[in-house]
Amino acid sequence: GLPAFLSLYCSSSDDLARCRTERNWALLSLKDSVVDDFCYRIISQHHVPELILTSFGSACDLPGGKSELSLTIDVIQSLLELGGSRSASHLIKRLGLLSWLHGAISWRSISSVLPYVSLKCKFLNLITIAVESYREEFSNDTKDENEAVFLEGIPLANAVIRICLERSDTEINNRNASSKEAEAILAATCEALWAIFMASKKRAQSRQRAGLTSLRHMVDLLMQCVHSEELFAKALASTSTLPYSVSDEDKGTSVARVFCELA
């Protein structure tokens, strides 16, 4: 079973600091305990994945909850990577992990949810791993016509681009931020977009062609990638297949011309 996990994770302590300590300990023990699909079977029988996904929002919104948020991302990643095909099928097919990944941040400010570069990179890496798990697990599954369509590609790509471009106050004020941090988030962004692009190639595109990402944001992303041939190639291939939206401020400007020149 899961000794003491539920009682610690759902701590009823009146002391907020103790409550956080108990929740973090529960997450750490869970992350380090998953080694195979048998472990995931036990975890899923206790409805722990549902509990963690549901609690993610509170960690996003509570002040000082970024440590728990980081641990939660680590736990979900461990479940995907070490839980075998059982975890991929349960998390993605039954619990809708891909929808959850973009839905959890779609109505929130990125700068408040993911204020640090390290946290952004963790979330982007989780998106990459989830999409790759989906691609590996369901690439040959064509029994259901609805399953043959990668419905989450467009909103996931939009979430990835938002995470990359939206700067938090911490990032803006930290003028001494190393170029390695900027390179890390750009690399994580391009890897996530590339995974989404490859999953979309393997499966039919959704008929819904409404754009979520503005053409201006696509141009901003490409401009940041021009120094690296590999990153630029991945960003260009990924964004060229996305439907885009044009805002009123973009109309009559040269943003489309700049995109074409970059391409």
Protein backbone atom coordinates (compact mmCIF):
# COMPACT_ATOMS: atom_id res chain seq x y z
CA GLY A 1 0.00 0.00 0.00
CA LEU A 2 0.98 3.61 0.55
CA PRO A 3 1.86 3.89 4.22
CA ALA A 4 0.89 7.27 5.65
CA PHE A 5 0.80 8.99 2.24
CA LEU A 6 -2.85 10.02 2.30
CA SER A 7 -2.76 11.17 5.93
CA LEU A 8 0.36 13.27 5.29
CA TYR A 9 -0.61 14.65 1.88
CA CYS A 10 -4.09 15.55 3.15
CA SER A 11 -2.59 16.96 6.36
CA SER A 12 -5.08 18.38 8.84
CA SER A 13 -2.49 20.19 10.92
CA ASP A 14 -3.43 23.72 12.08
CA ASP A 15 0.18 24.79 11.57
CA LEU A 16 0.57 25.82 7.92
CA ALA A 17 4.34 25.27 7.95
CA ARG A 18 3.91 21.76 9.36
CA CYS A 19 1.18 21.06 6.82
CA ARG A 20 3.50 22.02 3.95
CA THR A 21 6.32 19.95 5.42
CA GLU A 22 4.11 16.87 5.64
CA ARG A 23 2.80 17.33 2.09
CA ASN A 24 6.31 17.77 0.70
CA TRP A 25 7.53 14.69 2.56
CA ALA A 26 4.64 12.68 1.14
CA LEU A 27 5.47 13.84 -2.41
CA LEU A 28 9.18 13.11 -1.97
CA SER A 29 8.53 9.60 -0.68
CA LEU A 30 6.12 8.94 -3.56
CA LYS A 31 8.58 10.21 -6.17
CA ASP A 32 11.38 8.00 -4.85
CA SER A 33 9.15 4.93 -4.46
CA VAL A 34 7.96 4.52 -8.07
CA VAL A 35 10.16 1.99 -9.88
CA ASP A 36 7.85 0.01 -12.20
CA ASP A 37 4.30 -0.51 -13.42
CA PHE A 38 3.46 -2.65 -10.37
CA CYS A 39 4.11 0.39 -8.18
CA TYR A 40 1.86 2.48 -10.43
CA ARG A 41 -0.92 -0.10 -10.12
CA ILE A 42 -0.86 0.30 -6.33
CA ILE A 43 -0.75 4.09 -6.63
CA SER A 44 -3.65 4.26 -9.09
CA GLN A 45 -5.77 1.92 -6.93
CA HIS A 46 -5.56 4.54 -4.18
CA HIS A 47 -6.54 7.30 -6.68
CA VAL A 48 -3.33 9.18 -5.94
CA PRO A 49 -2.82 10.52 -9.52
CA GLU A 50 -6.28 12.11 -9.45
CA LEU A 51 -5.56 13.63 -6.05
CA ILE A 52 -2.24 15.11 -7.20
CA LEU A 53 -3.66 16.58 -10.40
CA THR A 54 -6.60 18.08 -8.51
CA SER A 55 -4.32 19.64 -5.87
CA PHE A 56 -2.02 21.20 -8.46
CA GLY A 57 -4.16 24.33 -8.69
CA SER A 58 -3.86 25.09 -4.98
CA ALA A 59 -0.07 24.84 -5.20
CA CYS A 60 -0.16 27.29 -8.14
CA ASP A 61 -2.23 29.88 -6.31
CA LEU A 62 -0.94 29.72 -2.73
CA PRO A 63 1.94 32.03 -1.79
CA GLY A 64 5.02 30.02 -1.03
CA GLY A 65 3.65 26.95 -2.81
CA LYS A 66 6.35 26.77 -5.49
CA SER A 67 8.32 24.08 -3.66
CA GLU A 68 5.26 21.83 -3.64
CA LEU A 69 4.55 22.77 -7.26
CA SER A 70 8.06 21.71 -8.29
CA LEU A 71 7.74 18.43 -6.40
CA THR A 72 4.35 17.74 -7.96
CA ILE A 73 5.83 18.13 -11.45
CA ASP A 74 8.66 15.76 -10.46
CA VAL A 75 6.17 13.17 -9.22
CA ILE A 76 4.07 13.26 -12.39
CA GLN A 77 7.22 12.93 -14.49
CA SER A 78 8.38 9.94 -12.41
CA LEU A 79 4.99 8.27 -12.80
CA LEU A 80 5.16 8.68 -16.59
CA GLU A 81 8.78 7.60 -16.98
CA LEU A 82 8.84 4.68 -14.53
CA GLY A 83 5.23 3.52 -14.41
CA GLY A 84 5.42 1.69 -17.74
CA SER A 85 2.62 1.44 -20.28
CA ARG A 86 0.09 1.20 -17.44
CA SER A 87 0.87 4.75 -16.29
CA ALA A 88 0.83 6.21 -19.82
CA SER A 89 -2.53 4.61 -20.57
CA HIS A 90 -4.08 5.64 -17.24
CA LEU A 91 -2.70 9.19 -17.06
CA ILE A 92 -3.18 10.15 -20.70
CA LYS A 93 -6.20 8.12 -21.78
CA ARG A 94 -8.23 7.88 -18.57
CA LEU A 95 -7.27 11.07 -16.70
CA GLY A 96 -6.66 13.35 -19.72
CA LEU A 97 -3.15 14.47 -18.75
CA LEU A 98 -2.53 16.30 -22.05
CA SER A 99 -5.68 18.39 -21.60
CA TRP A 100 -4.75 19.02 -17.98
CA LEU A 101 -1.26 20.26 -18.92
CA HIS A 102 -2.53 23.21 -20.93
CA GLY A 103 -5.79 23.63 -19.00
CA ALA A 104 -4.00 24.10 -15.66
CA ILE A 105 -2.27 27.26 -16.92
CA SER A 106 -4.61 28.44 -19.70
CA TRP A 107 -6.48 30.94 -17.50
CA ARG A 108 -3.60 31.78 -15.17
CA SER A 109 -0.75 34.23 -15.55
CA ILE A 110 2.39 32.29 -16.49
CA SER A 111 4.55 34.75 -14.57
CA SER A 112 2.68 34.01 -11.33
CA VAL A 113 2.44 30.23 -11.74
CA LEU A 114 5.97 29.68 -13.08
CA PRO A 115 8.04 32.66 -11.88
CA TYR A 116 11.44 30.94 -12.15
CA VAL A 117 13.33 29.67 -15.18
CA SER A 118 13.95 26.31 -13.48
CA LEU A 119 10.22 25.85 -12.85
CA LYS A 120 9.39 26.77 -16.45
CA CYS A 121 11.92 24.25 -17.75
CA LYS A 122 10.48 21.54 -15.50
CA PHE A 123 6.95 22.13 -16.77
CA LEU A 124 8.11 22.25 -20.41
CA ASN A 125 10.04 19.00 -19.94
CA LEU A 126 6.90 17.42 -18.45
CA ILE A 127 4.93 18.43 -21.56
CA THR A 128 7.63 16.89 -23.77
CA ILE A 129 7.65 13.61 -21.83
CA ALA A 130 3.83 13.42 -21.78
CA VAL A 131 3.54 13.99 -25.54
CA GLU A 132 6.29 11.47 -26.27
CA SER A 133 4.56 8.93 -24.02
CA TYR A 134 1.33 9.54 -25.90
CA ARG A 135 3.11 9.09 -29.21
CA GLU A 136 4.83 5.87 -28.18
CA GLU A 137 1.80 4.36 -26.47
CA PHE A 138 -0.90 5.18 -29.01
CA SER A 139 0.96 5.56 -32.33
CA ASN A 140 -0.36 2.21 -33.57
CA ASP A 141 -3.77 2.42 -31.93
CA THR A 142 -6.27 3.22 -34.69
CA LYS A 143 -9.26 1.23 -33.46
CA ASP A 144 -11.16 4.37 -32.55
CA GLU A 145 -11.33 7.15 -35.15
CA ASN A 146 -11.42 9.78 -32.42
CA GLU A 147 -8.19 8.39 -30.97
CA ALA A 148 -6.53 8.86 -34.37
CA VAL A 149 -6.72 12.65 -34.04
CA PHE A 150 -4.20 14.52 -31.90
CA LEU A 151 -6.67 17.01 -30.48
CA GLU A 152 -4.31 18.58 -27.95
CA GLY A 153 -1.54 19.69 -30.32
CA ILE A 154 -2.73 23.26 -30.94
CA PRO A 155 -3.53 24.24 -27.31
CA LEU A 156 -0.36 22.54 -26.03
CA ALA A 157 1.82 24.39 -28.53
CA ASN A 158 0.18 27.66 -27.53
CA ALA A 159 0.87 26.94 -23.84
CA VAL A 160 4.52 26.15 -24.61
CA ILE A 161 5.02 29.41 -26.51
CA ARG A 162 3.33 31.40 -23.73
CA ILE A 163 5.62 29.84 -21.12
CA CYS A 164 8.68 30.78 -23.16
CA LEU A 165 7.73 34.37 -24.01
CA GLU A 166 5.99 35.60 -20.87
CA ARG A 167 8.57 37.00 -18.45
CA SER A 168 8.01 37.14 -14.70
CA ASP A 169 9.02 40.10 -12.54
CA THR A 170 11.81 37.93 -11.12
CA GLU A 171 13.25 37.33 -14.58
CA ILE A 172 12.89 40.98 -15.65
CA ASN A 173 14.55 42.32 -12.50
CA ASN A 174 17.36 39.75 -12.58
CA ARG A 175 19.64 41.49 -15.05
CA ASN A 176 22.48 39.18 -14.11
CA ALA A 177 20.61 36.12 -15.33
CA SER A 178 23.07 33.92 -17.16
CA SER A 179 22.81 33.18 -20.86
CA LYS A 180 22.67 29.51 -19.83
CA GLU A 181 19.24 30.07 -18.27
CA ALA A 182 17.95 31.75 -21.41
CA GLU A 183 19.38 28.95 -23.52
CA ALA A 184 17.86 26.32 -21.22
CA ILE A 185 14.31 27.63 -21.49
CA LEU A 186 14.65 28.12 -25.25
CA ALA A 187 15.94 24.56 -25.68
CA ALA A 188 13.13 23.16 -23.49
CA THR A 189 10.59 25.15 -25.52
CA CYS A 190 11.87 23.87 -28.88
CA GLU A 191 12.00 20.27 -27.61
CA ALA A 192 8.37 20.50 -26.44
CA LEU A 193 7.24 22.03 -29.75
CA TRP A 194 9.16 19.38 -31.68
CA ALA A 195 7.52 16.56 -29.67
CA ILE A 196 4.08 18.08 -30.40
CA PHE A 197 4.98 18.45 -34.09
CA MET A 198 6.11 14.80 -34.34
CA ALA A 199 2.98 13.56 -32.55
CA SER A 200 0.86 15.59 -34.98
CA LYS A 201 2.69 14.03 -37.94
CA LYS A 202 2.03 10.52 -36.66
CA ARG A 203 -1.69 11.13 -36.23
CA ALA A 204 -4.29 13.07 -38.17
CA GLN A 205 -4.60 16.78 -37.48
CA SER A 206 -7.71 18.10 -35.82
CA ARG A 207 -10.24 19.63 -38.18
CA GLN A 208 -10.56 22.56 -35.83
CA ARG A 209 -8.22 25.13 -37.32
CA ALA A 210 -8.88 28.06 -35.02
CA GLY A 211 -5.60 29.71 -34.12
CA LEU A 212 -4.66 30.22 -30.48
CA THR A 213 -1.15 31.61 -30.95
CA SER A 214 -0.67 35.01 -32.54
CA LEU A 215 1.63 35.37 -35.52
CA ARG A 216 3.53 38.03 -33.58
CA HIS A 217 4.36 35.52 -30.83
CA MET A 218 5.56 33.02 -33.42
CA VAL A 219 7.86 35.70 -34.84
CA ASP A 220 9.13 36.57 -31.34
CA LEU A 221 9.99 32.93 -30.72
CA LEU A 222 11.80 32.57 -34.05
CA MET A 223 13.78 35.76 -33.40
CA GLN A 224 15.07 34.27 -30.15
CA CYS A 225 16.16 31.09 -31.97
CA VAL A 226 18.10 32.65 -34.87
CA HIS A 227 21.47 32.14 -33.16
CA SER A 228 21.05 28.33 -33.16
CA GLU A 229 20.47 26.47 -36.41
CA GLU A 230 19.11 23.38 -34.64
CA LEU A 231 16.69 25.26 -32.39
CA PHE A 232 15.56 27.51 -35.24
CA ALA A 233 14.83 24.52 -37.49
CA LYS A 234 12.69 22.88 -34.79
CA ALA A 235 10.86 26.11 -33.96
CA LEU A 236 10.18 26.90 -37.62
CA ALA A 237 8.92 23.41 -38.49
CA SER A 238 6.68 23.38 -35.42
CA THR A 239 5.17 26.85 -35.81
CA SER A 240 4.66 26.54 -39.58
CA THR A 241 2.09 23.78 -39.06
CA LEU A 242 0.09 25.76 -36.47
CA PRO A 243 -2.95 27.84 -37.32
CA TYR A 244 -2.34 31.38 -36.09
CA SER A 245 -4.47 34.29 -34.96
CA VAL A 246 -4.00 37.90 -36.01
CA SER A 247 -4.89 40.57 -33.46
CA ASP A 248 -6.06 44.07 -34.32
CA GLU A 249 -2.63 45.48 -33.47
CA ASP A 250 -1.01 43.08 -35.95
CA LYS A 251 -3.19 44.16 -38.86
CA GLY A 252 -1.45 46.55 -41.20
CA THR A 253 1.99 45.78 -39.72
CA SER A 254 4.91 43.91 -41.23
CA VAL A 255 4.71 40.92 -38.86
CA ALA A 256 3.71 38.54 -41.68
CA ARG A 257 6.56 39.79 -43.85
CA VAL A 258 9.06 39.28 -41.01
CA PHE A 259 7.80 35.72 -40.50
CA CYS A 260 8.26 34.96 -44.20
CA GLU A 261 11.74 36.51 -44.23
CA LEU A 262 12.77 34.46 -41.21
CA ALA A 263 11.44 31.30 -42.88
